[in-house]
Amino acid sequence: MTELVQVALAEDITEAEEIQAILRQAGIDAHLETAVEHHPTSTEDAPQKVLVPESSLEEAQHAIEAMTDPGELSAD
C-alpha cells in the first residue's frame, strides 16, 4: 500500500474539499483527515490535512499552486 503524505493543511472542511477537487481534476487521489483532536461529529470547523500518495506529492503541489495562482501557469 502506498504511504500517504500531507500536501496541504486546510483551515476547514470546505477549503479541504476545494483542494481535494483541484487534485482530483489533476488525476491525483486525495484524502482528508482531521488535523486536530476534535469531537467526531463536529468536523465542519476543524482544520483538515489533505493527503496524497507519496509518489504524487510533487505533482499535487504543482496542481495546487497552478489552480490557486493562475500567474504560475505561464511562469515556465
N, C-alpha and C. Protein backbone atom coordinates (compact mmCIF):
# COMPACT_ATOMS: atom_id res chain seq x y z
N MET A 1 0.83 -1.18 0.00
CA MET A 1 0.00 0.00 0.00
C MET A 1 0.89 1.25 0.00
N THR A 2 0.49 2.23 -0.77
CA THR A 2 1.25 3.46 -0.89
C THR A 2 1.05 4.33 0.35
N GLU A 3 2.14 4.87 0.85
CA GLU A 3 2.07 5.73 2.03
C GLU A 3 1.50 7.09 1.62
N LEU A 4 0.59 7.63 2.46
CA LEU A 4 0.02 8.95 2.22
C LEU A 4 0.85 10.00 2.96
N VAL A 5 1.04 11.15 2.30
CA VAL A 5 1.78 12.26 2.90
C VAL A 5 0.93 13.52 2.79
N GLN A 6 1.17 14.44 3.69
CA GLN A 6 0.40 15.69 3.72
C GLN A 6 0.91 16.66 2.66
N VAL A 7 0.00 17.15 1.82
CA VAL A 7 0.36 18.12 0.79
C VAL A 7 -0.13 19.52 1.16
N ALA A 8 -1.15 19.58 2.03
CA ALA A 8 -1.70 20.88 2.41
C ALA A 8 -2.41 20.75 3.75
N LEU A 9 -2.61 21.90 4.39
CA LEU A 9 -3.40 21.98 5.61
C LEU A 9 -4.47 23.02 5.37
N ALA A 10 -5.71 22.59 5.42
CA ALA A 10 -6.85 23.49 5.18
C ALA A 10 -7.43 23.95 6.51
N GLU A 11 -7.93 25.18 6.53
CA GLU A 11 -8.48 25.73 7.77
C GLU A 11 -9.78 25.05 8.17
N ASP A 12 -10.55 24.54 7.19
CA ASP A 12 -11.81 23.88 7.49
C ASP A 12 -12.15 22.88 6.39
N ILE A 13 -13.26 22.17 6.58
CA ILE A 13 -13.64 21.12 5.63
C ILE A 13 -13.95 21.69 4.25
N THR A 14 -14.51 22.89 4.17
CA THR A 14 -14.84 23.49 2.88
C THR A 14 -13.58 23.73 2.06
N GLU A 15 -12.57 24.32 2.68
CA GLU A 15 -11.31 24.56 1.98
C GLU A 15 -10.65 23.24 1.59
N ALA A 16 -10.71 22.26 2.49
CA ALA A 16 -10.11 20.96 2.21
C ALA A 16 -10.77 20.30 1.01
N GLU A 17 -12.09 20.39 0.93
CA GLU A 17 -12.81 19.79 -0.19
C GLU A 17 -12.49 20.51 -1.50
N GLU A 18 -12.25 21.82 -1.44
CA GLU A 18 -11.86 22.56 -2.65
C GLU A 18 -10.49 22.08 -3.15
N ILE A 19 -9.55 21.91 -2.22
CA ILE A 19 -8.22 21.41 -2.59
C ILE A 19 -8.33 19.99 -3.14
N GLN A 20 -9.14 19.17 -2.48
CA GLN A 20 -9.34 17.79 -2.93
C GLN A 20 -9.90 17.77 -4.36
N ALA A 21 -10.84 18.66 -4.66
CA ALA A 21 -11.41 18.73 -6.01
C ALA A 21 -10.35 19.13 -7.04
N ILE A 22 -9.48 20.09 -6.69
CA ILE A 22 -8.39 20.50 -7.58
C ILE A 22 -7.49 19.30 -7.89
N LEU A 23 -7.16 18.55 -6.86
CA LEU A 23 -6.27 17.40 -7.05
C LEU A 23 -6.94 16.32 -7.88
N ARG A 24 -8.21 16.08 -7.65
CA ARG A 24 -8.92 15.06 -8.43
C ARG A 24 -9.01 15.46 -9.90
N GLN A 25 -9.17 16.77 -10.17
CA GLN A 25 -9.18 17.24 -11.56
C GLN A 25 -7.84 16.97 -12.22
N ALA A 26 -6.78 16.98 -11.43
CA ALA A 26 -5.43 16.71 -11.94
C ALA A 26 -5.13 15.21 -11.98
N GLY A 27 -6.12 14.39 -11.60
CA GLY A 27 -5.93 12.94 -11.62
C GLY A 27 -5.19 12.38 -10.42
N ILE A 28 -5.20 13.14 -9.32
CA ILE A 28 -4.49 12.71 -8.11
C ILE A 28 -5.51 12.35 -7.04
N ASP A 29 -5.39 11.16 -6.49
CA ASP A 29 -6.28 10.70 -5.44
C ASP A 29 -5.90 11.40 -4.13
N ALA A 30 -6.84 12.12 -3.54
CA ALA A 30 -6.56 12.86 -2.31
C ALA A 30 -7.52 12.41 -1.21
N HIS A 31 -7.02 12.40 0.01
CA HIS A 31 -7.81 12.01 1.18
C HIS A 31 -7.76 13.13 2.20
N LEU A 32 -8.82 13.24 3.00
CA LEU A 32 -8.88 14.25 4.05
C LEU A 32 -8.81 13.58 5.41
N GLU A 33 -8.17 14.26 6.35
CA GLU A 33 -8.06 13.75 7.71
C GLU A 33 -8.08 14.95 8.66
N THR A 34 -8.84 14.85 9.73
CA THR A 34 -8.88 15.93 10.71
C THR A 34 -7.49 16.12 11.30
N ALA A 35 -7.05 17.38 11.36
CA ALA A 35 -5.68 17.67 11.79
C ALA A 35 -5.52 17.79 13.30
N VAL A 36 -6.62 17.92 14.02
CA VAL A 36 -6.55 18.08 15.47
C VAL A 36 -7.56 17.17 16.14
N GLU A 37 -7.34 16.91 17.41
CA GLU A 37 -8.33 16.14 18.17
C GLU A 37 -9.60 16.97 18.23
N HIS A 38 -10.69 16.37 17.81
CA HIS A 38 -11.95 17.11 17.72
C HIS A 38 -13.08 16.13 17.91
N HIS A 39 -14.21 16.61 18.34
CA HIS A 39 -15.36 15.73 18.52
C HIS A 39 -15.67 15.06 17.18
N PRO A 40 -15.88 13.75 17.16
CA PRO A 40 -16.06 13.03 15.89
C PRO A 40 -17.25 13.48 15.04
N THR A 41 -18.24 14.09 15.65
CA THR A 41 -19.38 14.54 14.86
C THR A 41 -19.30 16.02 14.52
N SER A 42 -18.26 16.71 14.94
CA SER A 42 -18.10 18.13 14.68
C SER A 42 -16.86 18.39 13.85
N THR A 43 -16.88 18.03 12.59
CA THR A 43 -15.69 18.20 11.75
C THR A 43 -15.76 19.45 10.90
N GLU A 44 -16.88 20.16 10.88
CA GLU A 44 -17.05 21.30 9.99
C GLU A 44 -15.98 22.37 10.14
N ASP A 45 -15.62 22.73 11.37
CA ASP A 45 -14.69 23.83 11.59
C ASP A 45 -13.28 23.39 11.94
N ALA A 46 -13.04 22.10 11.95
CA ALA A 46 -11.72 21.60 12.32
C ALA A 46 -10.76 21.70 11.14
N PRO A 47 -9.51 22.07 11.40
CA PRO A 47 -8.51 22.05 10.32
C PRO A 47 -8.40 20.64 9.74
N GLN A 48 -8.12 20.56 8.45
CA GLN A 48 -8.05 19.28 7.76
C GLN A 48 -6.72 19.11 7.07
N LYS A 49 -6.14 17.92 7.18
CA LYS A 49 -4.95 17.58 6.40
C LYS A 49 -5.43 17.06 5.05
N VAL A 50 -4.76 17.49 3.99
CA VAL A 50 -5.02 16.95 2.67
C VAL A 50 -3.86 16.01 2.36
N LEU A 51 -4.17 14.74 2.18
CA LEU A 51 -3.16 13.70 2.00
C LEU A 51 -3.20 13.14 0.59
N VAL A 52 -2.02 12.85 0.05
CA VAL A 52 -1.89 12.25 -1.28
C VAL A 52 -0.86 11.13 -1.21
N PRO A 53 -0.87 10.22 -2.19
CA PRO A 53 0.19 9.20 -2.22
C PRO A 53 1.55 9.89 -2.34
N GLU A 54 2.53 9.35 -1.64
CA GLU A 54 3.87 9.95 -1.64
C GLU A 54 4.42 10.13 -3.06
N SER A 55 4.11 9.20 -3.93
CA SER A 55 4.61 9.27 -5.31
C SER A 55 3.97 10.43 -6.10
N SER A 56 2.87 10.99 -5.60
CA SER A 56 2.18 12.09 -6.30
C SER A 56 2.40 13.44 -5.63
N LEU A 57 3.24 13.50 -4.61
CA LEU A 57 3.40 14.71 -3.82
C LEU A 57 3.80 15.92 -4.67
N GLU A 58 4.85 15.80 -5.46
CA GLU A 58 5.33 16.94 -6.24
C GLU A 58 4.27 17.38 -7.26
N GLU A 59 3.66 16.43 -7.93
CA GLU A 59 2.60 16.75 -8.90
C GLU A 59 1.43 17.45 -8.20
N ALA A 60 1.08 17.00 -7.01
CA ALA A 60 -0.01 17.61 -6.25
C ALA A 60 0.32 19.04 -5.86
N GLN A 61 1.55 19.28 -5.43
CA GLN A 61 1.96 20.64 -5.07
C GLN A 61 1.85 21.57 -6.27
N HIS A 62 2.27 21.10 -7.44
CA HIS A 62 2.19 21.91 -8.66
C HIS A 62 0.73 22.18 -9.03
N ALA A 63 -0.13 21.17 -8.90
CA ALA A 63 -1.54 21.33 -9.24
C ALA A 63 -2.20 22.37 -8.34
N ILE A 64 -1.90 22.32 -7.06
CA ILE A 64 -2.48 23.29 -6.11
C ILE A 64 -1.98 24.69 -6.43
N GLU A 65 -0.68 24.83 -6.66
CA GLU A 65 -0.11 26.14 -6.98
C GLU A 65 -0.72 26.71 -8.25
N ALA A 66 -0.86 25.88 -9.27
CA ALA A 66 -1.39 26.34 -10.55
C ALA A 66 -2.85 26.77 -10.43
N MET A 67 -3.63 26.05 -9.64
CA MET A 67 -5.06 26.36 -9.53
C MET A 67 -5.33 27.52 -8.57
N THR A 68 -4.42 27.78 -7.65
CA THR A 68 -4.64 28.87 -6.70
C THR A 68 -3.97 30.15 -7.11
N ASP A 69 -3.00 30.07 -8.04
CA ASP A 69 -2.31 31.27 -8.54
C ASP A 69 -2.15 31.15 -10.05
N PRO A 70 -3.13 31.65 -10.81
CA PRO A 70 -3.09 31.50 -12.27
C PRO A 70 -1.81 32.04 -12.90
N GLY A 71 -1.12 32.98 -12.29
CA GLY A 71 0.12 33.51 -12.82
C GLY A 71 1.21 32.44 -12.93
N GLU A 72 1.11 31.40 -12.12
CA GLU A 72 2.10 30.33 -12.12
C GLU A 72 2.02 29.50 -13.39
N LEU A 73 0.87 29.48 -14.07
CA LEU A 73 0.71 28.68 -15.26
C LEU A 73 1.64 29.14 -16.38
N SER A 74 1.89 30.44 -16.47
CA SER A 74 2.72 30.96 -17.56
C SER A 74 4.17 31.19 -17.12
N ALA A 75 4.53 30.76 -15.92
CA ALA A 75 5.87 31.00 -15.41
C ALA A 75 6.93 30.15 -16.10
N ASP A 76 6.53 29.04 -16.70
CA ASP A 76 7.51 28.15 -17.34
C ASP A 76 8.05 28.68 -18.61
